[in-house]
Amino acid sequence: MAVEVRAVAKYIRMSPHKVRLVTDLVRGRDVDEALALLRFTPKVAAKAVSKVIASAAANAEENLGLSSNELYIAEIRADEGPMLKRGRPGPRGRFKPILKRSTHITVVLAEKQA
């Protein structure tokens, strides 16, 4: 049975679509490789994703005594969080909605099989 470690960041004020572009880059990679890749990715979501991956690696090191060299990203998701519904006045007295989206980022790290 493989050891799995998880970390979740909730209510990130960013669209899930923008975060998924970054999570697709690092899915299945080693933790160190993913963090190095995210450091040079020119997307705002890269900083939030790298924080969650680093948190999961720290959880593995602190709670289970695993090294980040032995871990890879088994699962990474960017799910929709609650939307803040705002609006602007539109033409002819109408209301134009503005949906301010949020994201929940979930990272599951697993130990590499020898």
PDB file of N, CA and C in Angstrom:
ATOM      1  N   MET A   1       0.840  -1.181   0.000  1.00  0.00           N
ATOM      2  CA  MET A   1       0.000   0.000   0.000  1.00  0.00           C
ATOM      3  C   MET A   1       0.892   1.254   0.000  1.00  0.00           C
ATOM      4  N   ALA A   2       0.621   2.144  -0.933  1.00  0.00           N
ATOM      5  CA  ALA A   2       1.410   3.357  -1.058  1.00  0.00           C
ATOM      6  C   ALA A   2       0.940   4.393  -0.030  1.00  0.00           C
ATOM      7  N   VAL A   3       1.890   5.156   0.471  1.00  0.00           N
ATOM      8  CA  VAL A   3       1.582   6.213   1.431  1.00  0.00           C
ATOM      9  C   VAL A   3       1.153   7.454   0.656  1.00  0.00           C
ATOM     10  N   GLU A   4       0.052   8.073   1.067  1.00  0.00           N
ATOM     11  CA  GLU A   4      -0.431   9.285   0.414  1.00  0.00           C
ATOM     12  C   GLU A   4      -0.531  10.415   1.429  1.00  0.00           C
ATOM     13  N   VAL A   5      -0.144  11.602   0.996  1.00  0.00           N
ATOM     14  CA  VAL A   5      -0.196  12.801   1.824  1.00  0.00           C
ATOM     15  C   VAL A   5      -0.958  13.849   1.038  1.00  0.00           C
ATOM     16  N   ARG A   6      -1.815  14.619   1.726  1.00  0.00           N
ATOM     17  CA  ARG A   6      -2.617  15.609   1.001  1.00  0.00           C
ATOM     18  C   ARG A   6      -2.527  16.969   1.666  1.00  0.00           C
ATOM     19  N   ALA A   7      -2.794  17.978   0.857  1.00  0.00           N
ATOM     20  CA  ALA A   7      -2.901  19.355   1.336  1.00  0.00           C
ATOM     21  C   ALA A   7      -3.967  20.041   0.492  1.00  0.00           C
ATOM     22  N   VAL A   8      -4.729  20.934   1.123  1.00  0.00           N
ATOM     23  CA  VAL A   8      -5.822  21.628   0.448  1.00  0.00           C
ATOM     24  C   VAL A   8      -5.709  23.120   0.736  1.00  0.00           C
ATOM     25  N   ALA A   9      -5.843  23.915  -0.306  1.00  0.00           N
ATOM     26  CA  ALA A   9      -5.945  25.371  -0.150  1.00  0.00           C
ATOM     27  C   ALA A   9      -7.337  25.753  -0.628  1.00  0.00           C
ATOM     28  N   LYS A  10      -8.089  26.412   0.234  1.00  0.00           N
ATOM     29  CA  LYS A  10      -9.472  26.747  -0.108  1.00  0.00           C
ATOM     30  C   LYS A  10      -9.634  28.245  -0.307  1.00  0.00           C
ATOM     31  N   TYR A  11     -10.649  28.579  -1.063  1.00  0.00           N
ATOM     32  CA  TYR A  11     -11.080  29.959  -1.286  1.00  0.00           C
ATOM     33  C   TYR A  11      -9.979  30.828  -1.903  1.00  0.00           C
ATOM     34  N   ILE A  12      -9.222  30.276  -2.835  1.00  0.00           N
ATOM     35  CA  ILE A  12      -8.227  31.049  -3.575  1.00  0.00           C
ATOM     36  C   ILE A  12      -8.981  31.934  -4.565  1.00  0.00           C
ATOM     37  N   ARG A  13      -8.773  33.240  -4.524  1.00  0.00           N
ATOM     38  CA  ARG A  13      -9.542  34.182  -5.342  1.00  0.00           C
ATOM     39  C   ARG A  13      -8.992  34.243  -6.762  1.00  0.00           C
ATOM     40  N   MET A  14      -9.239  33.128  -7.481  1.00  0.00           N
ATOM     41  CA  MET A  14      -8.781  33.005  -8.852  1.00  0.00           C
ATOM     42  C   MET A  14      -9.716  32.037  -9.561  1.00  0.00           C
ATOM     43  N   SER A  15      -9.880  32.224 -10.830  1.00  0.00           N
ATOM     44  CA  SER A  15     -10.760  31.358 -11.594  1.00  0.00           C
ATOM     45  C   SER A  15     -10.192  29.935 -11.660  1.00  0.00           C
ATOM     46  N   PRO A  16     -11.036  28.904 -11.505  1.00  0.00           N
ATOM     47  CA  PRO A  16     -10.540  27.530 -11.591  1.00  0.00           C
ATOM     48  C   PRO A  16      -9.938  27.213 -12.959  1.00  0.00           C
ATOM     49  N   HIS A  17     -10.451  27.840 -13.998  1.00  0.00           N
ATOM     50  CA  HIS A  17      -9.927  27.605 -15.345  1.00  0.00           C
ATOM     51  C   HIS A  17      -8.468  28.045 -15.437  1.00  0.00           C
ATOM     52  N   LYS A  18      -8.129  29.180 -14.835  1.00  0.00           N
ATOM     53  CA  LYS A  18      -6.757  29.673 -14.853  1.00  0.00           C
ATOM     54  C   LYS A  18      -5.839  28.785 -14.017  1.00  0.00           C
ATOM     55  N   VAL A  19      -6.352  28.263 -12.915  1.00  0.00           N
ATOM     56  CA  VAL A  19      -5.541  27.405 -12.054  1.00  0.00           C
ATOM     57  C   VAL A  19      -5.321  26.045 -12.719  1.00  0.00           C
ATOM     58  N   ARG A  20      -6.317  25.548 -13.440  1.00  0.00           N
ATOM     59  CA  ARG A  20      -6.182  24.244 -14.108  1.00  0.00           C
ATOM     60  C   ARG A  20      -5.106  24.265 -15.185  1.00  0.00           C
ATOM     61  N   LEU A  21      -4.882  25.414 -15.820  1.00  0.00           N
ATOM     62  CA  LEU A  21      -3.807  25.520 -16.800  1.00  0.00           C
ATOM     63  C   LEU A  21      -2.456  25.227 -16.152  1.00  0.00           C
ATOM     64  N   VAL A  22      -2.293  25.621 -14.902  1.00  0.00           N
ATOM     65  CA  VAL A  22      -1.031  25.406 -14.194  1.00  0.00           C
ATOM     66  C   VAL A  22      -0.967  23.994 -13.615  1.00  0.00           C
ATOM     67  N   THR A  23      -2.085  23.503 -13.074  1.00  0.00           N
ATOM     68  CA  THR A  23      -2.055  22.161 -12.471  1.00  0.00           C
ATOM     69  C   THR A  23      -1.787  21.080 -13.519  1.00  0.00           C
ATOM     70  N   ASP A  24      -2.217  21.315 -14.751  1.00  0.00           N
ATOM     71  CA  ASP A  24      -1.957  20.336 -15.811  1.00  0.00           C
ATOM     72  C   ASP A  24      -0.470  20.235 -16.138  1.00  0.00           C
ATOM     73  N   LEU A  25       0.288  21.296 -15.875  1.00  0.00           N
ATOM     74  CA  LEU A  25       1.732  21.275 -16.128  1.00  0.00           C
ATOM     75  C   LEU A  25       2.470  20.327 -15.197  1.00  0.00           C
ATOM     76  N   VAL A  26       2.021  20.239 -13.940  1.00  0.00           N
ATOM     77  CA  VAL A  26       2.803  19.524 -12.928  1.00  0.00           C
ATOM     78  C   VAL A  26       2.231  18.162 -12.554  1.00  0.00           C
ATOM     79  N   ARG A  27       1.093  17.796 -13.094  1.00  0.00           N
ATOM     80  CA  ARG A  27       0.465  16.514 -12.730  1.00  0.00           C
ATOM     81  C   ARG A  27       1.385  15.346 -13.091  1.00  0.00           C
ATOM     82  N   GLY A  28       1.668  14.488 -12.106  1.00  0.00           N
ATOM     83  CA  GLY A  28       2.487  13.294 -12.333  1.00  0.00           C
ATOM     84  C   GLY A  28       3.984  13.513 -12.179  1.00  0.00           C
ATOM     85  N   ARG A  29       4.425  14.727 -11.946  1.00  0.00           N
ATOM     86  CA  ARG A  29       5.857  15.015 -11.824  1.00  0.00           C
ATOM     87  C   ARG A  29       6.340  14.823 -10.388  1.00  0.00           C
ATOM     88  N   ASP A  30       7.671  14.735 -10.249  1.00  0.00           N
ATOM     89  CA  ASP A  30       8.272  14.704  -8.922  1.00  0.00           C
ATOM     90  C   ASP A  30       8.067  16.058  -8.250  1.00  0.00           C
ATOM     91  N   VAL A  31       8.086  16.067  -6.925  1.00  0.00           N
ATOM     92  CA  VAL A  31       7.809  17.296  -6.176  1.00  0.00           C
ATOM     93  C   VAL A  31       8.862  18.363  -6.453  1.00  0.00           C
ATOM     94  N   ASP A  32      10.144  17.999  -6.405  1.00  0.00           N
ATOM     95  CA  ASP A  32      11.208  18.982  -6.628  1.00  0.00           C
ATOM     96  C   ASP A  32      11.157  19.536  -8.045  1.00  0.00           C
ATOM     97  N   GLU A  33      10.903  18.659  -9.004  1.00  0.00           N
ATOM     98  CA  GLU A  33      10.805  19.075 -10.407  1.00  0.00           C
ATOM     99  C   GLU A  33       9.610  20.013 -10.616  1.00  0.00           C
ATOM    100  N   ALA A  34       8.491  19.699  -9.974  1.00  0.00           N
ATOM    101  CA  ALA A  34       7.285  20.526 -10.115  1.00  0.00           C
ATOM    102  C   ALA A  34       7.504  21.907  -9.509  1.00  0.00           C
ATOM    103  N   LEU A  35       8.138  21.962  -8.338  1.00  0.00           N
ATOM    104  CA  LEU A  35       8.389  23.261  -7.706  1.00  0.00           C
ATOM    105  C   LEU A  35       9.354  24.110  -8.528  1.00  0.00           C
ATOM    106  N   ALA A  36      10.363  23.475  -9.133  1.00  0.00           N
ATOM    107  CA  ALA A  36      11.292  24.206  -9.996  1.00  0.00           C
ATOM    108  C   ALA A  36      10.586  24.718 -11.251  1.00  0.00           C
ATOM    109  N   LEU A  37       9.707  23.920 -11.812  1.00  0.00           N
ATOM    110  CA  LEU A  37       8.957  24.326 -13.001  1.00  0.00           C
ATOM    111  C   LEU A  37       8.022  25.488 -12.687  1.00  0.00           C
ATOM    112  N   LEU A  38       7.360  25.433 -11.537  1.00  0.00           N
ATOM    113  CA  LEU A  38       6.418  26.491 -11.160  1.00  0.00           C
ATOM    114  C   LEU A  38       7.126  27.803 -10.836  1.00  0.00           C
ATOM    115  N   ARG A  39       8.361  27.713 -10.358  1.00  0.00           N
ATOM    116  CA  ARG A  39       9.098  28.924 -10.021  1.00  0.00           C
ATOM    117  C   ARG A  39       9.293  29.812 -11.247  1.00  0.00           C
ATOM    118  N   PHE A  40       9.379  29.197 -12.446  1.00  0.00           N
ATOM    119  CA  PHE A  40       9.631  29.955 -13.670  1.00  0.00           C
ATOM    120  C   PHE A  40       8.427  30.000 -14.599  1.00  0.00           C
ATOM    121  N   THR A  41       7.259  29.622 -14.111  1.00  0.00           N
ATOM    122  CA  THR A  41       6.043  29.701 -14.913  1.00  0.00           C
ATOM    123  C   THR A  41       5.445  31.096 -14.755  1.00  0.00           C
ATOM    124  N   PRO A  42       5.207  31.811 -15.864  1.00  0.00           N
ATOM    125  CA  PRO A  42       4.738  33.196 -15.765  1.00  0.00           C
ATOM    126  C   PRO A  42       3.233  33.328 -15.595  1.00  0.00           C
ATOM    127  N   LYS A  43       2.644  32.544 -14.734  1.00  0.00           N
ATOM    128  CA  LYS A  43       1.212  32.630 -14.452  1.00  0.00           C
ATOM    129  C   LYS A  43       1.040  32.976 -12.979  1.00  0.00           C
ATOM    130  N   VAL A  44       0.019  33.756 -12.671  1.00  0.00           N
ATOM    131  CA  VAL A  44      -0.232  34.141 -11.284  1.00  0.00           C
ATOM    132  C   VAL A  44      -0.610  32.912 -10.456  1.00  0.00           C
ATOM    133  N   ALA A  45      -1.292  31.954 -11.073  1.00  0.00           N
ATOM    134  CA  ALA A  45      -1.732  30.761 -10.356  1.00  0.00           C
ATOM    135  C   ALA A  45      -0.570  29.864  -9.947  1.00  0.00           C
ATOM    136  N   ALA A  46       0.596  30.027 -10.564  1.00  0.00           N
ATOM    137  CA  ALA A  46       1.745  29.175 -10.246  1.00  0.00           C
ATOM    138  C   ALA A  46       2.182  29.346  -8.795  1.00  0.00           C
ATOM    139  N   LYS A  47       2.070  30.562  -8.274  1.00  0.00           N
ATOM    140  CA  LYS A  47       2.479  30.806  -6.886  1.00  0.00           C
ATOM    141  C   LYS A  47       1.554  30.071  -5.914  1.00  0.00           C
ATOM    142  N   ALA A  48       0.240  30.123  -6.160  1.00  0.00           N
ATOM    143  CA  ALA A  48      -0.718  29.444  -5.277  1.00  0.00           C
ATOM    144  C   ALA A  48      -0.547  27.928  -5.346  1.00  0.00           C
ATOM    145  N   VAL A  49      -0.332  27.390  -6.537  1.00  0.00           N
ATOM    146  CA  VAL A  49      -0.165  25.938  -6.690  1.00  0.00           C
ATOM    147  C   VAL A  49       1.124  25.483  -6.028  1.00  0.00           C
ATOM    148  N   SER A  50       2.203  26.261  -6.171  1.00  0.00           N
ATOM    149  CA  SER A  50       3.466  25.853  -5.558  1.00  0.00           C
ATOM    150  C   SER A  50       3.379  25.876  -4.031  1.00  0.00           C
ATOM    151  N   LYS A  51       2.605  26.824  -3.473  1.00  0.00           N
ATOM    152  CA  LYS A  51       2.431  26.854  -2.025  1.00  0.00           C
ATOM    153  C   LYS A  51       1.736  25.596  -1.510  1.00  0.00           C
ATOM    154  N   VAL A  52       0.738  25.113  -2.264  1.00  0.00           N
ATOM    155  CA  VAL A  52       0.012  23.911  -1.831  1.00  0.00           C
ATOM    156  C   VAL A  52       0.906  22.687  -1.953  1.00  0.00           C
ATOM    157  N   ILE A  53       1.683  22.593  -3.033  1.00  0.00           N
ATOM    158  CA  ILE A  53       2.594  21.455  -3.199  1.00  0.00           C
ATOM    159  C   ILE A  53       3.657  21.465  -2.102  1.00  0.00           C
ATOM    160  N   ALA A  54       4.202  22.635  -1.791  1.00  0.00           N
ATOM    161  CA  ALA A  54       5.198  22.740  -0.719  1.00  0.00           C
ATOM    162  C   ALA A  54       4.589  22.376   0.631  1.00  0.00           C
ATOM    163  N   SER A  55       3.336  22.740   0.848  1.00  0.00           N
ATOM    164  CA  SER A  55       2.661  22.399   2.098  1.00  0.00           C
ATOM    165  C   SER A  55       2.464  20.884   2.224  1.00  0.00           C
ATOM    166  N   ALA A  56       2.077  20.245   1.120  1.00  0.00           N
ATOM    167  CA  ALA A  56       1.900  18.788   1.149  1.00  0.00           C
ATOM    168  C   ALA A  56       3.238  18.096   1.395  1.00  0.00           C
ATOM    169  N   ALA A  57       4.319  18.596   0.796  1.00  0.00           N
ATOM    170  CA  ALA A  57       5.641  18.015   1.014  1.00  0.00           C
ATOM    171  C   ALA A  57       6.079  18.204   2.466  1.00  0.00           C
ATOM    172  N   ALA A  58       5.763  19.368   3.040  1.00  0.00           N
ATOM    173  CA  ALA A  58       6.097  19.607   4.448  1.00  0.00           C
ATOM    174  C   ALA A  58       5.275  18.697   5.360  1.00  0.00           C
ATOM    175  N   ASN A  59       4.009  18.468   5.004  1.00  0.00           N
ATOM    176  CA  ASN A  59       3.190  17.522   5.776  1.00  0.00           C
ATOM    177  C   ASN A  59       3.798  16.128   5.753  1.00  0.00           C
ATOM    178  N   ALA A  60       4.283  15.698   4.587  1.00  0.00           N
ATOM    179  CA  ALA A  60       4.890  14.366   4.464  1.00  0.00           C
ATOM    180  C   ALA A  60       6.164  14.271   5.290  1.00  0.00           C
ATOM    181  N   GLU A  61       6.949  15.340   5.286  1.00  0.00           N
ATOM    182  CA  GLU A  61       8.205  15.319   6.024  1.00  0.00           C
ATOM    183  C   GLU A  61       7.972  15.357   7.528  1.00  0.00           C
ATOM    184  N   GLU A  62       7.034  16.199   7.959  1.00  0.00           N
ATOM    185  CA  GLU A  62       6.797  16.372   9.390  1.00  0.00           C
ATOM    186  C   GLU A  62       6.030  15.204  10.005  1.00  0.00           C
ATOM    187  N   ASN A  63       4.981  14.751   9.314  1.00  0.00           N
ATOM    188  CA  ASN A  63       4.102  13.737   9.906  1.00  0.00           C
ATOM    189  C   ASN A  63       4.557  12.312   9.650  1.00  0.00           C
ATOM    190  N   LEU A  64       5.150  12.040   8.481  1.00  0.00           N
ATOM    191  CA  LEU A  64       5.512  10.672   8.130  1.00  0.00           C
ATOM    192  C   LEU A  64       7.006  10.448   7.979  1.00  0.00           C
ATOM    193  N   GLY A  65       7.810  11.503   8.040  1.00  0.00           N
ATOM    194  CA  GLY A  65       9.253  11.369   7.919  1.00  0.00           C
ATOM    195  C   GLY A  65       9.728  11.044   6.522  1.00  0.00           C
ATOM    196  N   LEU A  66       8.954  11.411   5.502  1.00  0.00           N
ATOM    197  CA  LEU A  66       9.348  11.143   4.116  1.00  0.00           C
ATOM    198  C   LEU A  66      10.128  12.327   3.559  1.00  0.00           C
ATOM    199  N   SER A  67      11.062  12.044   2.674  1.00  0.00           N
ATOM    200  CA  SER A  67      11.815  13.096   2.005  1.00  0.00           C
ATOM    201  C   SER A  67      11.075  13.519   0.736  1.00  0.00           C
ATOM    202  N   SER A  68      11.214  14.770   0.340  1.00  0.00           N
ATOM    203  CA  SER A  68      10.525  15.232  -0.868  1.00  0.00           C
ATOM    204  C   SER A  68      11.119  14.596  -2.122  1.00  0.00           C
ATOM    205  N   ASN A  69      12.322  14.015  -2.016  1.00  0.00           N
ATOM    206  CA  ASN A  69      12.920  13.310  -3.158  1.00  0.00           C
ATOM    207  C   ASN A  69      12.157  12.033  -3.498  1.00  0.00           C
ATOM    208  N   GLU A  70      11.446  11.472  -2.512  1.00  0.00           N
ATOM    209  CA  GLU A  70      10.746  10.200  -2.701  1.00  0.00           C
ATOM    210  C   GLU A  70       9.295  10.380  -3.127  1.00  0.00           C
ATOM    211  N   LEU A  71       8.842  11.622  -3.325  1.00  0.00           N
ATOM    212  CA  LEU A  71       7.422  11.887  -3.569  1.00  0.00           C
ATOM    213  C   LEU A  71       7.170  12.388  -4.981  1.00  0.00           C
ATOM    214  N   TYR A  72       5.988  12.060  -5.485  1.00  0.00           N
ATOM    215  CA  TYR A  72       5.525  12.610  -6.755  1.00  0.00           C
ATOM    216  C   TYR A  72       4.070  13.030  -6.598  1.00  0.00           C
ATOM    217  N   ILE A  73       3.588  13.844  -7.524  1.00  0.00           N
ATOM    218  CA  ILE A  73       2.221  14.357  -7.456  1.00  0.00           C
ATOM    219  C   ILE A  73       1.285  13.319  -8.065  1.00  0.00           C
ATOM    220  N   ALA A  74       0.602  12.587  -7.212  1.00  0.00           N
ATOM    221  CA  ALA A  74      -0.299  11.542  -7.669  1.00  0.00           C
ATOM    222  C   ALA A  74      -1.614  12.121  -8.172  1.00  0.00           C
ATOM    223  N   GLU A  75      -2.072  13.178  -7.522  1.00  0.00           N
ATOM    224  CA  GLU A  75      -3.351  13.787  -7.907  1.00  0.00           C
ATOM    225  C   GLU A  75      -3.290  15.269  -7.575  1.00  0.00           C
ATOM    226  N   ILE A  76      -3.803  16.088  -8.487  1.00  0.00           N
ATOM    227  CA  ILE A  76      -3.898  17.525  -8.237  1.00  0.00           C
ATOM    228  C   ILE A  76      -5.169  18.013  -8.919  1.00  0.00           C
ATOM    229  N   ARG A  77      -5.992  18.738  -8.139  1.00  0.00           N
ATOM    230  CA  ARG A  77      -7.290  19.197  -8.651  1.00  0.00           C
ATOM    231  C   ARG A  77      -7.468  20.667  -8.336  1.00  0.00           C
ATOM    232  N   ALA A  78      -8.204  21.332  -9.212  1.00  0.00           N
ATOM    233  CA  ALA A  78      -8.621  22.707  -8.970  1.00  0.00           C
ATOM    234  C   ALA A  78     -10.133  22.735  -9.126  1.00  0.00           C
ATOM    235  N   ASP A  79     -10.840  22.664  -8.005  1.00  0.00           N
ATOM    236  CA  ASP A  79     -12.301  22.620  -8.013  1.00  0.00           C
ATOM    237  C   ASP A  79     -12.855  24.020  -7.796  1.00  0.00           C
ATOM    238  N   GLU A  80     -14.106  24.190  -8.210  1.00  0.00           N
ATOM    239  CA  GLU A  80     -14.759  25.481  -8.029  1.00  0.00           C
ATOM    240  C   GLU A  80     -15.115  25.698  -6.565  1.00  0.00           C
ATOM    241  N   GLY A  81     -14.866  26.917  -6.113  1.00  0.00           N
ATOM    242  CA  GLY A  81     -15.303  27.330  -4.793  1.00  0.00           C
ATOM    243  C   GLY A  81     -16.539  28.206  -4.962  1.00  0.00           C
ATOM    244  N   PRO A  82     -16.972  28.853  -3.911  1.00  0.00           N
ATOM    245  CA  PRO A  82     -18.146  29.722  -4.022  1.00  0.00           C
ATOM    246  C   PRO A  82     -17.840  30.966  -4.852  1.00  0.00           C
ATOM    247  N   MET A  83     -18.876  31.459  -5.519  1.00  0.00           N
ATOM    248  CA  MET A  83     -18.737  32.654  -6.340  1.00  0.00           C
ATOM    249  C   MET A  83     -19.288  33.858  -5.598  1.00  0.00           C
ATOM    250  N   LEU A  84     -18.587  34.975  -5.693  1.00  0.00           N
ATOM    251  CA  LEU A  84     -19.113  36.237  -5.212  1.00  0.00           C
ATOM    252  C   LEU A  84     -19.881  36.863  -6.366  1.00  0.00           C
ATOM    253  N   LYS A  85     -21.147  37.125  -6.161  1.00  0.00           N
ATOM    254  CA  LYS A  85     -21.966  37.655  -7.236  1.00  0.00           C
ATOM    255  C   LYS A  85     -22.056  39.162  -7.099  1.00  0.00           C
ATOM    256  N   ARG A  86     -21.434  39.845  -8.005  1.00  0.00           N
ATOM    257  CA  ARG A  86     -21.428  41.298  -8.051  1.00  0.00           C
ATOM    258  C   ARG A  86     -22.061  41.729  -9.372  1.00  0.00           C
ATOM    259  N   GLY A  87     -22.238  43.033  -9.553  1.00  0.00           N
ATOM    260  CA  GLY A  87     -22.832  43.475 -10.804  1.00  0.00           C
ATOM    261  C   GLY A  87     -22.581  44.933 -11.097  1.00  0.00           C
ATOM    262  N   ARG A  88     -22.886  45.286 -12.315  1.00  0.00           N
ATOM    263  CA  ARG A  88     -22.767  46.660 -12.778  1.00  0.00           C
ATOM    264  C   ARG A  88     -24.064  47.049 -13.448  1.00  0.00           C
ATOM    265  N   PRO A  89     -24.375  48.311 -13.467  1.00  0.00           N
ATOM    266  CA  PRO A  89     -25.540  48.732 -14.242  1.00  0.00           C
ATOM    267  C   PRO A  89     -25.250  48.604 -15.731  1.00  0.00           C
ATOM    268  N   GLY A  90     -26.245  48.116 -16.454  1.00  0.00           N
ATOM    269  CA  GLY A  90     -26.119  47.966 -17.898  1.00  0.00           C
ATOM    270  C   GLY A  90     -27.011  48.960 -18.613  1.00  0.00           C
ATOM    271  N   PRO A  91     -27.030  48.875 -19.926  1.00  0.00           N
ATOM    272  CA  PRO A  91     -27.874  49.796 -20.681  1.00  0.00           C
ATOM    273  C   PRO A  91     -29.356  49.546 -20.436  1.00  0.00           C
ATOM    274  N   ARG A  92     -30.141  50.582 -20.536  1.00  0.00           N
ATOM    275  CA  ARG A  92     -31.604  50.535 -20.405  1.00  0.00           C
ATOM    276  C   ARG A  92     -32.020  50.036 -19.020  1.00  0.00           C
ATOM    277  N   GLY A  93     -31.260  50.391 -17.986  1.00  0.00           N
ATOM    278  CA  GLY A  93     -31.645  50.068 -16.619  1.00  0.00           C
ATOM    279  C   GLY A  93     -31.453  48.617 -16.241  1.00  0.00           C
ATOM    280  N   ARG A  94     -30.694  47.881 -17.029  1.00  0.00           N
ATOM    281  CA  ARG A  94     -30.496  46.459 -16.743  1.00  0.00           C
ATOM    282  C   ARG A  94     -29.313  46.255 -15.799  1.00  0.00           C
ATOM    283  N   PHE A  95     -29.193  45.023 -15.319  1.00  0.00           N
ATOM    284  CA  PHE A  95     -28.140  44.617 -14.377  1.00  0.00           C
ATOM    285  C   PHE A  95     -27.218  43.649 -15.102  1.00  0.00           C
ATOM    286  N   LYS A  96     -25.926  43.949 -15.136  1.00  0.00           N
ATOM    287  CA  LYS A  96     -24.946  43.061 -15.762  1.00  0.00           C
ATOM    288  C   LYS A  96     -24.170  42.339 -14.663  1.00  0.00           C
ATOM    289  N   PRO A  97     -24.339  41.020 -14.526  1.00  0.00           N
ATOM    290  CA  PRO A  97     -23.666  40.299 -13.439  1.00  0.00           C
ATOM    291  C   PRO A  97     -22.165  40.151 -13.686  1.00  0.00           C
ATOM    292  N   ILE A  98     -21.416  40.208 -12.598  1.00  0.00           N
ATOM    293  CA  ILE A  98     -19.989  39.908 -12.596  1.00  0.00           C
ATOM    294  C   ILE A  98     -19.790  38.806 -11.566  1.00  0.00           C
ATOM    295  N   LEU A  99     -19.279  37.655 -12.007  1.00  0.00           N
ATOM    296  CA  LEU A  99     -19.064  36.516 -11.120  1.00  0.00           C
ATOM    297  C   LEU A  99     -17.593  36.469 -10.729  1.00  0.00           C
ATOM    298  N   LYS A 100     -17.310  36.700  -9.468  1.00  0.00           N
ATOM    299  CA  LYS A 100     -15.935  36.635  -8.974  1.00  0.00           C
ATOM    300  C   LYS A 100     -15.729  35.230  -8.425  1.00  0.00           C
ATOM    301  N   ARG A 101     -14.996  34.442  -9.181  1.00  0.00           N
ATOM    302  CA  ARG A 101     -14.869  33.017  -8.889  1.00  0.00           C
ATOM    303  C   ARG A 101     -13.756  32.749  -7.882  1.00  0.00           C
ATOM    304  N   SER A 102     -13.870  31.594  -7.212  1.00  0.00           N
ATOM    305  CA  SER A 102     -12.816  31.154  -6.299  1.00  0.00           C
ATOM    306  C   SER A 102     -12.539  29.673  -6.558  1.00  0.00           C
ATOM    307  N   THR A 103     -11.433  29.199  -6.014  1.00  0.00           N
ATOM    308  CA  THR A 103     -10.943  27.862  -6.323  1.00  0.00           C
ATOM    309  C   THR A 103     -10.507  27.153  -5.049  1.00  0.00           C
ATOM    310  N   HIS A 104     -10.735  25.846  -5.020  1.00  0.00           N
ATOM    311  CA  HIS A 104     -10.158  24.977  -3.999  1.00  0.00           C
ATOM    312  C   HIS A 104      -9.110  24.109  -4.695  1.00  0.00           C
ATOM    313  N   ILE A 105      -7.852  24.181  -4.248  1.00  0.00           N
ATOM    314  CA  ILE A 105      -6.768  23.389  -4.854  1.00  0.00           C
ATOM    315  C   ILE A 105      -6.440  22.238  -3.910  1.00  0.00           C
ATOM    316  N   THR A 106      -6.487  21.016  -4.431  1.00  0.00           N
ATOM    317  CA  THR A 106      -6.180  19.811  -3.663  1.00  0.00           C
ATOM    318  C   THR A 106      -4.979  19.107  -4.282  1.00  0.00           C
ATOM    319  N   VAL A 107      -3.993  18.772  -3.465  1.00  0.00           N
ATOM    320  CA  VAL A 107      -2.798  18.067  -3.930  1.00  0.00           C
ATOM    321  C   VAL A 107      -2.648  16.789  -3.110  1.00  0.00           C
ATOM    322  N   VAL A 108      -2.449  15.669  -3.800  1.00  0.00           N
ATOM    323  CA  VAL A 108      -2.174  14.388  -3.133  1.00  0.00           C
ATOM    324  C   VAL A 108      -0.798  13.910  -3.623  1.00  0.00           C
ATOM    325  N   LEU A 109       0.114  13.736  -2.689  1.00  0.00           N
ATOM    326  CA  LEU A 109       1.445  13.228  -3.008  1.00  0.00           C
ATOM    327  C   LEU A 109       1.526  11.763  -2.605  1.00  0.00           C
ATOM    328  N   ALA A 110       2.242  10.988  -3.402  1.00  0.00           N
ATOM    329  CA  ALA A 110       2.426   9.569  -3.109  1.00  0.00           C
ATOM    330  C   ALA A 110       3.911   9.243  -3.193  1.00  0.00           C
ATOM    331  N   GLU A 111       4.276   8.159  -2.529  1.00  0.00           N
ATOM    332  CA  GLU A 111       5.667   7.717  -2.527  1.00  0.00           C
ATOM    333  C   GLU A 111       5.958   6.945  -3.811  1.00  0.00           C
ATOM    334  N   LYS A 112       7.142   7.178  -4.370  1.00  0.00           N
ATOM    335  CA  LYS A 112       7.529   6.478  -5.600  1.00  0.00           C
ATOM    336  C   LYS A 112       7.732   4.998  -5.293  1.00  0.00           C
ATOM    337  N   GLN A 113       7.317   4.165  -6.227  1.00  0.00           N
ATOM    338  CA  GLN A 113       7.542   2.714  -6.079  1.00  0.00           C
ATOM    339  C   GLN A 113       8.949   2.382  -6.546  1.00  0.00           C
ATOM    340  N   ALA A 114       9.628   1.535  -5.797  1.00  0.00           N
ATOM    341  CA  ALA A 114      11.027   1.207  -6.128  1.00  0.00           C
ATOM    342  C   ALA A 114      11.156   0.292  -7.324  1.00  0.00           C
TER     343      ALA A 114
END
